[in-house]
Amino acid sequence: MQAEISGSTMPVLQLTLEPGEQIISEPAQFSWMSANVELQTKMGAGGAKGIFGAIGRALSGGGLFLNTYEASSGQGMVAFASKMPGQIVQVELNPQSNYMVHRHGFLCGTRDVELSIGFQRSLGAGIFGGEGFIMQKLGGSGQAWVELGGDVVFYDLAPGESLRVHPGHIGMFEAGVGFDMTLMKGIKNVLFGGDGLFVANLSGPGKVWLQSLAVPNIAHAIIPYLPAPQK
């Protein structure tokens, strides 16, 4: 399998598949493919074990079903275009190397990649669409590609080193990184700071990828320009 990422602001991932090789993705991620690639929609893909496994994946921000792409004869090509300005990051997975990814970050992966819910917490109405803060767990083995918003800032945290991060800027981190959500300290910070009630605490050791483009911030910025609902 060969992977090529082209473009800059809105990158595209193109994968060249040998006969029999498979790629899985969320149904809404597909962009284009060659005529000899067969597409099937399955509930059991992505490591889901039965209906409850698929439901757990859906709660993590994915869906009950995943698409499977396979080259049927000769080399095939399937492409996934980014939905927001940003970057596409390739990660290597094995049983000792899992990742936590923001809920809409998983772009696609090889056949043995497993996608499940990793973290979920309600942050109050109106935050993250009222659905709370959710991280997907990306495990299994093989290769996966993750879509991150805007520019990506990378940190390799040493043991005991920590970062406090606005939840919307968390892109991905190694599963071994310590993670918790805490209330913002100080009543004036909460009431007048404009950054919300909660902050994420990430502690090393481990690698962290932060994204400069936070979708909740974009949504909040355009609200004043939306037409008022008609009564």
C-alpha atoms as a PDB file:
ATOM      1  CA  MET A   1       0.000   0.000   0.000  1.00  0.00           C
ATOM      2  CA  GLN A   2       1.261   3.438  -0.908  1.00  0.00           C
ATOM      3  CA  ALA A   3       0.049   6.668   0.695  1.00  0.00           C
ATOM      4  CA  GLU A   4       0.415  10.159  -0.749  1.00  0.00           C
ATOM      5  CA  ILE A   5      -0.765  13.391   0.872  1.00  0.00           C
ATOM      6  CA  SER A   6      -1.083  16.295  -1.549  1.00  0.00           C
ATOM      7  CA  GLY A   7      -2.204  19.895  -1.157  1.00  0.00           C
ATOM      8  CA  SER A   8      -1.607  22.299   1.689  1.00  0.00           C
ATOM      9  CA  THR A   9      -4.604  24.170   3.101  1.00  0.00           C
ATOM     10  CA  MET A  10      -7.130  21.434   2.220  1.00  0.00           C
ATOM     11  CA  PRO A  11      -4.996  18.287   1.867  1.00  0.00           C
ATOM     12  CA  VAL A  12      -6.043  15.066   0.127  1.00  0.00           C
ATOM     13  CA  LEU A  13      -4.920  11.560   1.081  1.00  0.00           C
ATOM     14  CA  GLN A  14      -4.610   9.166  -1.881  1.00  0.00           C
ATOM     15  CA  LEU A  15      -4.035   5.469  -1.157  1.00  0.00           C
ATOM     16  CA  THR A  16      -2.880   2.982  -3.788  1.00  0.00           C
ATOM     17  CA  LEU A  17      -4.133  -0.503  -2.905  1.00  0.00           C
ATOM     18  CA  GLU A  18      -2.720  -3.801  -4.101  1.00  0.00           C
ATOM     19  CA  PRO A  19      -5.246  -6.594  -4.847  1.00  0.00           C
ATOM     20  CA  GLY A  20      -6.772  -7.816  -1.581  1.00  0.00           C
ATOM     21  CA  GLU A  21      -5.677  -4.820   0.513  1.00  0.00           C
ATOM     22  CA  GLN A  22      -8.433  -3.059   2.443  1.00  0.00           C
ATOM     23  CA  ILE A  23      -9.049   0.381   3.911  1.00  0.00           C
ATOM     24  CA  ILE A  24     -11.841   1.328   6.348  1.00  0.00           C
ATOM     25  CA  SER A  25     -13.371   4.762   6.914  1.00  0.00           C
ATOM     26  CA  GLU A  26     -16.448   6.526   8.201  1.00  0.00           C
ATOM     27  CA  PRO A  27     -19.166   6.581   5.491  1.00  0.00           C
ATOM     28  CA  ALA A  28     -18.991  10.384   5.155  1.00  0.00           C
ATOM     29  CA  GLN A  29     -15.223  10.463   4.516  1.00  0.00           C
ATOM     30  CA  PHE A  30     -15.062   9.002   0.986  1.00  0.00           C
ATOM     31  CA  SER A  31     -14.114  11.417  -1.828  1.00  0.00           C
ATOM     32  CA  TRP A  32     -13.251   9.410  -4.989  1.00  0.00           C
ATOM     33  CA  MET A  33     -11.829   6.054  -6.107  1.00  0.00           C
ATOM     34  CA  SER A  34     -10.858   4.071  -9.182  1.00  0.00           C
ATOM     35  CA  ALA A  35     -13.448   1.837 -10.874  1.00  0.00           C
ATOM     36  CA  ASN A  36     -11.843  -1.425  -9.696  1.00  0.00           C
ATOM     37  CA  VAL A  37     -12.213  -0.619  -5.973  1.00  0.00           C
ATOM     38  CA  GLU A  38     -15.162  -2.373  -4.327  1.00  0.00           C
ATOM     39  CA  LEU A  39     -17.021  -0.566  -1.560  1.00  0.00           C
ATOM     40  CA  GLN A  40     -18.978  -2.356   1.174  1.00  0.00           C
ATOM     41  CA  THR A  41     -20.674  -0.916   4.256  1.00  0.00           C
ATOM     42  CA  LYS A  42     -20.291  -3.122   7.340  1.00  0.00           C
ATOM     43  CA  MET A  43     -21.248  -2.942  11.002  1.00  0.00           C
ATOM     44  CA  GLY A  44     -18.468  -5.268  12.196  1.00  0.00           C
ATOM     45  CA  ALA A  45     -15.545  -3.315  10.729  1.00  0.00           C
ATOM     46  CA  GLY A  46     -13.198  -1.246  12.858  1.00  0.00           C
ATOM     47  CA  GLY A  47     -12.948  -3.793  15.663  1.00  0.00           C
ATOM     48  CA  ALA A  48     -16.639  -3.616  16.621  1.00  0.00           C
ATOM     49  CA  LYS A  49     -17.731  -6.855  18.302  1.00  0.00           C
ATOM     50  CA  GLY A  50     -21.437  -7.191  17.618  1.00  0.00           C
ATOM     51  CA  ILE A  51     -24.161  -4.584  17.889  1.00  0.00           C
ATOM     52  CA  PHE A  52     -22.956  -3.241  21.262  1.00  0.00           C
ATOM     53  CA  GLY A  53     -19.466  -2.678  19.915  1.00  0.00           C
ATOM     54  CA  ALA A  54     -20.921  -0.752  16.981  1.00  0.00           C
ATOM     55  CA  ILE A  55     -23.108   1.308  19.339  1.00  0.00           C
ATOM     56  CA  GLY A  56     -20.058   2.157  21.444  1.00  0.00           C
ATOM     57  CA  ARG A  57     -18.246   3.317  18.321  1.00  0.00           C
ATOM     58  CA  ALA A  58     -21.253   5.457  17.368  1.00  0.00           C
ATOM     59  CA  LEU A  59     -21.212   7.095  20.824  1.00  0.00           C
ATOM     60  CA  SER A  60     -17.567   8.041  20.259  1.00  0.00           C
ATOM     61  CA  GLY A  61     -18.555  10.239  17.325  1.00  0.00           C
ATOM     62  CA  GLY A  62     -18.382   7.583  14.607  1.00  0.00           C
ATOM     63  CA  GLY A  63     -21.265   5.615  13.181  1.00  0.00           C
ATOM     64  CA  LEU A  64     -22.845   2.185  13.447  1.00  0.00           C
ATOM     65  CA  PHE A  65     -21.362   1.309  10.068  1.00  0.00           C
ATOM     66  CA  LEU A  66     -17.983   1.746   8.410  1.00  0.00           C
ATOM     67  CA  ASN A  67     -17.057   1.620   4.744  1.00  0.00           C
ATOM     68  CA  THR A  68     -14.577  -1.000   3.536  1.00  0.00           C
ATOM     69  CA  TYR A  69     -12.643  -0.428   0.304  1.00  0.00           C
ATOM     70  CA  GLU A  70     -10.815  -3.260  -1.467  1.00  0.00           C
ATOM     71  CA  ALA A  71      -9.010  -3.438  -4.820  1.00  0.00           C
ATOM     72  CA  SER A  72     -10.606  -6.291  -6.753  1.00  0.00           C
ATOM     73  CA  SER A  73      -8.261  -6.574  -9.750  1.00  0.00           C
ATOM     74  CA  GLY A  74      -4.901  -4.868 -10.148  1.00  0.00           C
ATOM     75  CA  GLN A  75      -3.925  -1.747  -8.273  1.00  0.00           C
ATOM     76  CA  GLY A  76      -6.750   0.467  -7.066  1.00  0.00           C
ATOM     77  CA  MET A  77      -6.908   4.007  -5.735  1.00  0.00           C
ATOM     78  CA  VAL A  78      -9.145   5.602  -3.104  1.00  0.00           C
ATOM     79  CA  ALA A  79      -8.934   9.225  -1.962  1.00  0.00           C
ATOM     80  CA  PHE A  80     -10.079  11.090   1.150  1.00  0.00           C
ATOM     81  CA  ALA A  81     -10.220  14.894   1.090  1.00  0.00           C
ATOM     82  CA  SER A  82     -10.082  16.938   4.285  1.00  0.00           C
ATOM     83  CA  LYS A  83     -13.313  18.619   5.414  1.00  0.00           C
ATOM     84  CA  MET A  84     -11.656  21.606   7.084  1.00  0.00           C
ATOM     85  CA  PRO A  85      -8.405  23.526   6.542  1.00  0.00           C
ATOM     86  CA  GLY A  86      -5.711  21.588   8.333  1.00  0.00           C
ATOM     87  CA  GLN A  87      -3.341  18.646   8.117  1.00  0.00           C
ATOM     88  CA  ILE A  88      -3.547  14.879   7.694  1.00  0.00           C
ATOM     89  CA  VAL A  89      -1.290  12.918  10.063  1.00  0.00           C
ATOM     90  CA  GLN A  90      -0.288   9.268   9.587  1.00  0.00           C
ATOM     91  CA  VAL A  91       0.085   7.125  12.717  1.00  0.00           C
ATOM     92  CA  GLU A  92       1.478   3.624  13.208  1.00  0.00           C
ATOM     93  CA  LEU A  93      -0.579   1.355  15.468  1.00  0.00           C
ATOM     94  CA  ASN A  94       0.283  -1.766  17.436  1.00  0.00           C
ATOM     95  CA  PRO A  95      -1.065  -3.314  20.674  1.00  0.00           C
ATOM     96  CA  GLN A  96       1.423  -1.187  22.673  1.00  0.00           C
ATOM     97  CA  SER A  97       0.786   2.046  20.754  1.00  0.00           C
ATOM     98  CA  ASN A  98      -2.765   3.431  20.920  1.00  0.00           C
ATOM     99  CA  TYR A  99      -4.009   6.990  20.513  1.00  0.00           C
ATOM    100  CA  MET A 100      -6.836   9.215  21.682  1.00  0.00           C
ATOM    101  CA  VAL A 101      -8.239  11.333  18.840  1.00  0.00           C
ATOM    102  CA  HIS A 102     -10.809  14.136  18.767  1.00  0.00           C
ATOM    103  CA  ARG A 103     -14.243  12.808  17.876  1.00  0.00           C
ATOM    104  CA  HIS A 104     -14.171  13.706  14.155  1.00  0.00           C
ATOM    105  CA  GLY A 105     -10.467  13.120  13.594  1.00  0.00           C
ATOM    106  CA  PHE A 106     -10.376   9.555  12.244  1.00  0.00           C
ATOM    107  CA  LEU A 107     -10.081   9.738   8.460  1.00  0.00           C
ATOM    108  CA  CYS A 108      -9.316   6.123   7.489  1.00  0.00           C
ATOM    109  CA  GLY A 109      -7.161   3.145   8.400  1.00  0.00           C
ATOM    110  CA  THR A 110      -6.033  -0.318   7.396  1.00  0.00           C
ATOM    111  CA  ARG A 111      -8.168  -3.397   8.033  1.00  0.00           C
ATOM    112  CA  ASP A 112      -6.995  -4.192  11.604  1.00  0.00           C
ATOM    113  CA  VAL A 113      -7.483  -0.684  13.006  1.00  0.00           C
ATOM    114  CA  GLU A 114      -9.960  -0.544  15.909  1.00  0.00           C
ATOM    115  CA  LEU A 115     -12.119   2.478  16.691  1.00  0.00           C
ATOM    116  CA  SER A 116     -13.994   2.837  19.996  1.00  0.00           C
ATOM    117  CA  ILE A 117     -15.058   5.387  22.598  1.00  0.00           C
ATOM    118  CA  GLY A 118     -12.156   6.543  24.752  1.00  0.00           C
ATOM    119  CA  PHE A 119     -13.460   9.413  26.888  1.00  0.00           C
ATOM    120  CA  GLN A 120     -16.792  11.171  27.306  1.00  0.00           C
ATOM    121  CA  ARG A 121     -17.866  13.939  29.648  1.00  0.00           C
ATOM    122  CA  SER A 122     -20.757  16.369  29.624  1.00  0.00           C
ATOM    123  CA  LEU A 123     -19.590  19.981  29.716  1.00  0.00           C
ATOM    124  CA  GLY A 124     -22.991  21.605  29.876  1.00  0.00           C
ATOM    125  CA  ALA A 125     -25.522  22.736  27.305  1.00  0.00           C
ATOM    126  CA  GLY A 126     -24.228  24.712  24.369  1.00  0.00           C
ATOM    127  CA  ILE A 127     -20.655  23.399  24.611  1.00  0.00           C
ATOM    128  CA  PHE A 128     -19.577  21.147  21.717  1.00  0.00           C
ATOM    129  CA  GLY A 129     -23.125  21.256  20.383  1.00  0.00           C
ATOM    130  CA  GLY A 130     -24.527  20.204  23.752  1.00  0.00           C
ATOM    131  CA  GLU A 131     -23.067  16.704  23.214  1.00  0.00           C
ATOM    132  CA  GLY A 132     -20.206  17.010  25.673  1.00  0.00           C
ATOM    133  CA  PHE A 133     -16.528  16.360  25.098  1.00  0.00           C
ATOM    134  CA  ILE A 134     -15.715  13.037  23.420  1.00  0.00           C
ATOM    135  CA  MET A 135     -12.441  11.394  22.442  1.00  0.00           C
ATOM    136  CA  GLN A 136     -12.148   8.336  20.212  1.00  0.00           C
ATOM    137  CA  LYS A 137      -9.696   5.554  21.034  1.00  0.00           C
ATOM    138  CA  LEU A 138      -7.670   4.484  18.000  1.00  0.00           C
ATOM    139  CA  GLY A 139      -6.130   1.054  18.551  1.00  0.00           C
ATOM    140  CA  GLY A 140      -5.424  -2.288  16.926  1.00  0.00           C
ATOM    141  CA  SER A 141      -2.560  -2.602  14.466  1.00  0.00           C
ATOM    142  CA  GLY A 142      -1.587  -1.190  11.097  1.00  0.00           C
ATOM    143  CA  GLN A 143      -1.769   2.364   9.843  1.00  0.00           C
ATOM    144  CA  ALA A 144      -4.338   5.114  10.347  1.00  0.00           C
ATOM    145  CA  TRP A 145      -4.713   8.668   9.121  1.00  0.00           C
ATOM    146  CA  VAL A 146      -6.087  11.455  11.317  1.00  0.00           C
ATOM    147  CA  GLU A 147      -7.429  14.837  10.231  1.00  0.00           C
ATOM    148  CA  LEU A 148      -6.438  17.781  12.438  1.00  0.00           C
ATOM    149  CA  GLY A 149      -7.668  21.373  12.089  1.00  0.00           C
ATOM    150  CA  GLY A 150      -5.425  24.265  11.111  1.00  0.00           C
ATOM    151  CA  ASP A 151      -1.742  24.098  11.963  1.00  0.00           C
ATOM    152  CA  VAL A 152      -0.504  21.290  14.208  1.00  0.00           C
ATOM    153  CA  VAL A 153       1.741  21.923  17.216  1.00  0.00           C
ATOM    154  CA  PHE A 154       3.567  18.847  18.543  1.00  0.00           C
ATOM    155  CA  TYR A 155       4.803  18.263  22.101  1.00  0.00           C
ATOM    156  CA  ASP A 156       6.724  15.308  23.513  1.00  0.00           C
ATOM    157  CA  LEU A 157       5.948  15.636  27.215  1.00  0.00           C
ATOM    158  CA  ALA A 158       8.522  14.425  29.720  1.00  0.00           C
ATOM    159  CA  PRO A 159       7.437  12.573  32.888  1.00  0.00           C
ATOM    160  CA  GLY A 160       5.732  15.061  35.186  1.00  0.00           C
ATOM    161  CA  GLU A 161       5.466  17.741  32.484  1.00  0.00           C
ATOM    162  CA  SER A 162       1.942  18.967  31.809  1.00  0.00           C
ATOM    163  CA  LEU A 163      -0.091  21.269  29.579  1.00  0.00           C
ATOM    164  CA  ARG A 164      -3.439  22.932  30.184  1.00  0.00           C
ATOM    165  CA  VAL A 165      -5.372  23.098  26.930  1.00  0.00           C
ATOM    166  CA  HIS A 166      -8.702  24.470  25.739  1.00  0.00           C
ATOM    167  CA  PRO A 167     -10.668  21.287  24.873  1.00  0.00           C
ATOM    168  CA  GLY A 168     -11.285  22.391  21.287  1.00  0.00           C
ATOM    169  CA  HIS A 169      -7.554  22.501  20.544  1.00  0.00           C
ATOM    170  CA  ILE A 170      -6.883  18.880  21.524  1.00  0.00           C
ATOM    171  CA  GLY A 171      -6.195  16.947  18.333  1.00  0.00           C
ATOM    172  CA  MET A 172      -4.568  13.681  19.350  1.00  0.00           C
ATOM    173  CA  PHE A 173      -2.330  12.202  22.032  1.00  0.00           C
ATOM    174  CA  GLU A 174      -0.796   8.875  22.951  1.00  0.00           C
ATOM    175  CA  ALA A 175      -3.101   6.789  25.132  1.00  0.00           C
ATOM    176  CA  GLY A 176      -0.487   6.725  27.902  1.00  0.00           C
ATOM    177  CA  VAL A 177      -0.656  10.500  28.392  1.00  0.00           C
ATOM    178  CA  GLY A 178      -2.472  11.476  31.573  1.00  0.00           C
ATOM    179  CA  PHE A 179      -5.750  13.239  30.768  1.00  0.00           C
ATOM    180  CA  ASP A 180      -8.456  14.921  32.790  1.00  0.00           C
ATOM    181  CA  MET A 181     -10.976  17.738  32.515  1.00  0.00           C
ATOM    182  CA  THR A 182     -11.071  20.290  35.323  1.00  0.00           C
ATOM    183  CA  LEU A 183     -13.004  23.442  36.082  1.00  0.00           C
ATOM    184  CA  MET A 184     -11.338  26.741  35.300  1.00  0.00           C
ATOM    185  CA  LYS A 185     -10.005  28.233  38.537  1.00  0.00           C
ATOM    186  CA  GLY A 186     -11.113  31.678  39.689  1.00  0.00           C
ATOM    187  CA  ILE A 187     -14.652  33.052  39.588  1.00  0.00           C
ATOM    188  CA  LYS A 188     -13.599  36.040  37.455  1.00  0.00           C
ATOM    189  CA  ASN A 189     -11.914  33.716  34.939  1.00  0.00           C
ATOM    190  CA  VAL A 190     -15.098  31.655  34.678  1.00  0.00           C
ATOM    191  CA  LEU A 191     -17.469  34.612  34.370  1.00  0.00           C
ATOM    192  CA  PHE A 192     -15.410  37.032  32.275  1.00  0.00           C
ATOM    193  CA  GLY A 193     -12.559  35.046  30.703  1.00  0.00           C
ATOM    194  CA  GLY A 194     -14.567  34.035  27.646  1.00  0.00           C
ATOM    195  CA  ASP A 195     -12.855  30.633  27.384  1.00  0.00           C
ATOM    196  CA  GLY A 196     -15.487  28.442  29.017  1.00  0.00           C
ATOM    197  CA  LEU A 197     -15.708  26.631  32.323  1.00  0.00           C
ATOM    198  CA  PHE A 198     -13.443  23.687  31.581  1.00  0.00           C
ATOM    199  CA  VAL A 199      -9.804  23.125  30.713  1.00  0.00           C
ATOM    200  CA  ALA A 200      -8.033  19.881  29.796  1.00  0.00           C
ATOM    201  CA  ASN A 201      -4.929  18.806  31.679  1.00  0.00           C
ATOM    202  CA  LEU A 202      -2.451  16.661  29.700  1.00  0.00           C
ATOM    203  CA  SER A 203       0.498  15.175  31.591  1.00  0.00           C
ATOM    204  CA  GLY A 204       3.523  13.225  30.390  1.00  0.00           C
ATOM    205  CA  PRO A 205       5.204  11.119  29.484  1.00  0.00           C
ATOM    206  CA  GLY A 206       3.883  10.941  25.937  1.00  0.00           C
ATOM    207  CA  LYS A 207       3.293  12.704  22.648  1.00  0.00           C
ATOM    208  CA  VAL A 208       0.592  15.310  22.068  1.00  0.00           C
ATOM    209  CA  TRP A 209      -0.701  16.891  18.836  1.00  0.00           C
ATOM    210  CA  LEU A 210      -2.633  20.160  19.292  1.00  0.00           C
ATOM    211  CA  GLN A 211      -4.686  21.807  16.530  1.00  0.00           C
ATOM    212  CA  SER A 212      -4.842  25.561  16.019  1.00  0.00           C
ATOM    213  CA  LEU A 213      -8.284  25.428  14.371  1.00  0.00           C
ATOM    214  CA  ALA A 214     -10.979  24.527  16.894  1.00  0.00           C
ATOM    215  CA  VAL A 215     -14.358  23.881  15.274  1.00  0.00           C
ATOM    216  CA  PRO A 216     -16.367  24.988  18.374  1.00  0.00           C
ATOM    217  CA  ASN A 217     -14.537  28.330  18.256  1.00  0.00           C
ATOM    218  CA  ILE A 218     -15.461  28.775  14.583  1.00  0.00           C
ATOM    219  CA  ALA A 219     -19.090  27.976  15.323  1.00  0.00           C
ATOM    220  CA  HIS A 220     -19.113  30.488  18.174  1.00  0.00           C
ATOM    221  CA  ALA A 221     -17.501  33.168  15.971  1.00  0.00           C
ATOM    222  CA  ILE A 222     -20.103  32.952  13.191  1.00  0.00           C
ATOM    223  CA  ILE A 223     -23.184  32.841  15.440  1.00  0.00           C
ATOM    224  CA  PRO A 224     -23.586  36.679  15.421  1.00  0.00           C
ATOM    225  CA  TYR A 225     -23.714  36.616  11.600  1.00  0.00           C
ATOM    226  CA  LEU A 226     -26.382  33.935  11.267  1.00  0.00           C
ATOM    227  CA  PRO A 227     -29.937  35.068  10.456  1.00  0.00           C
ATOM    228  CA  ALA A 228     -32.264  35.156  13.418  1.00  0.00           C
ATOM    229  CA  PRO A 229     -34.704  32.227  13.536  1.00  0.00           C
ATOM    230  CA  GLN A 230     -38.139  33.105  12.210  1.00  0.00           C
ATOM    231  CA  LYS A 231     -40.975  32.819  14.691  1.00  0.00           C
END
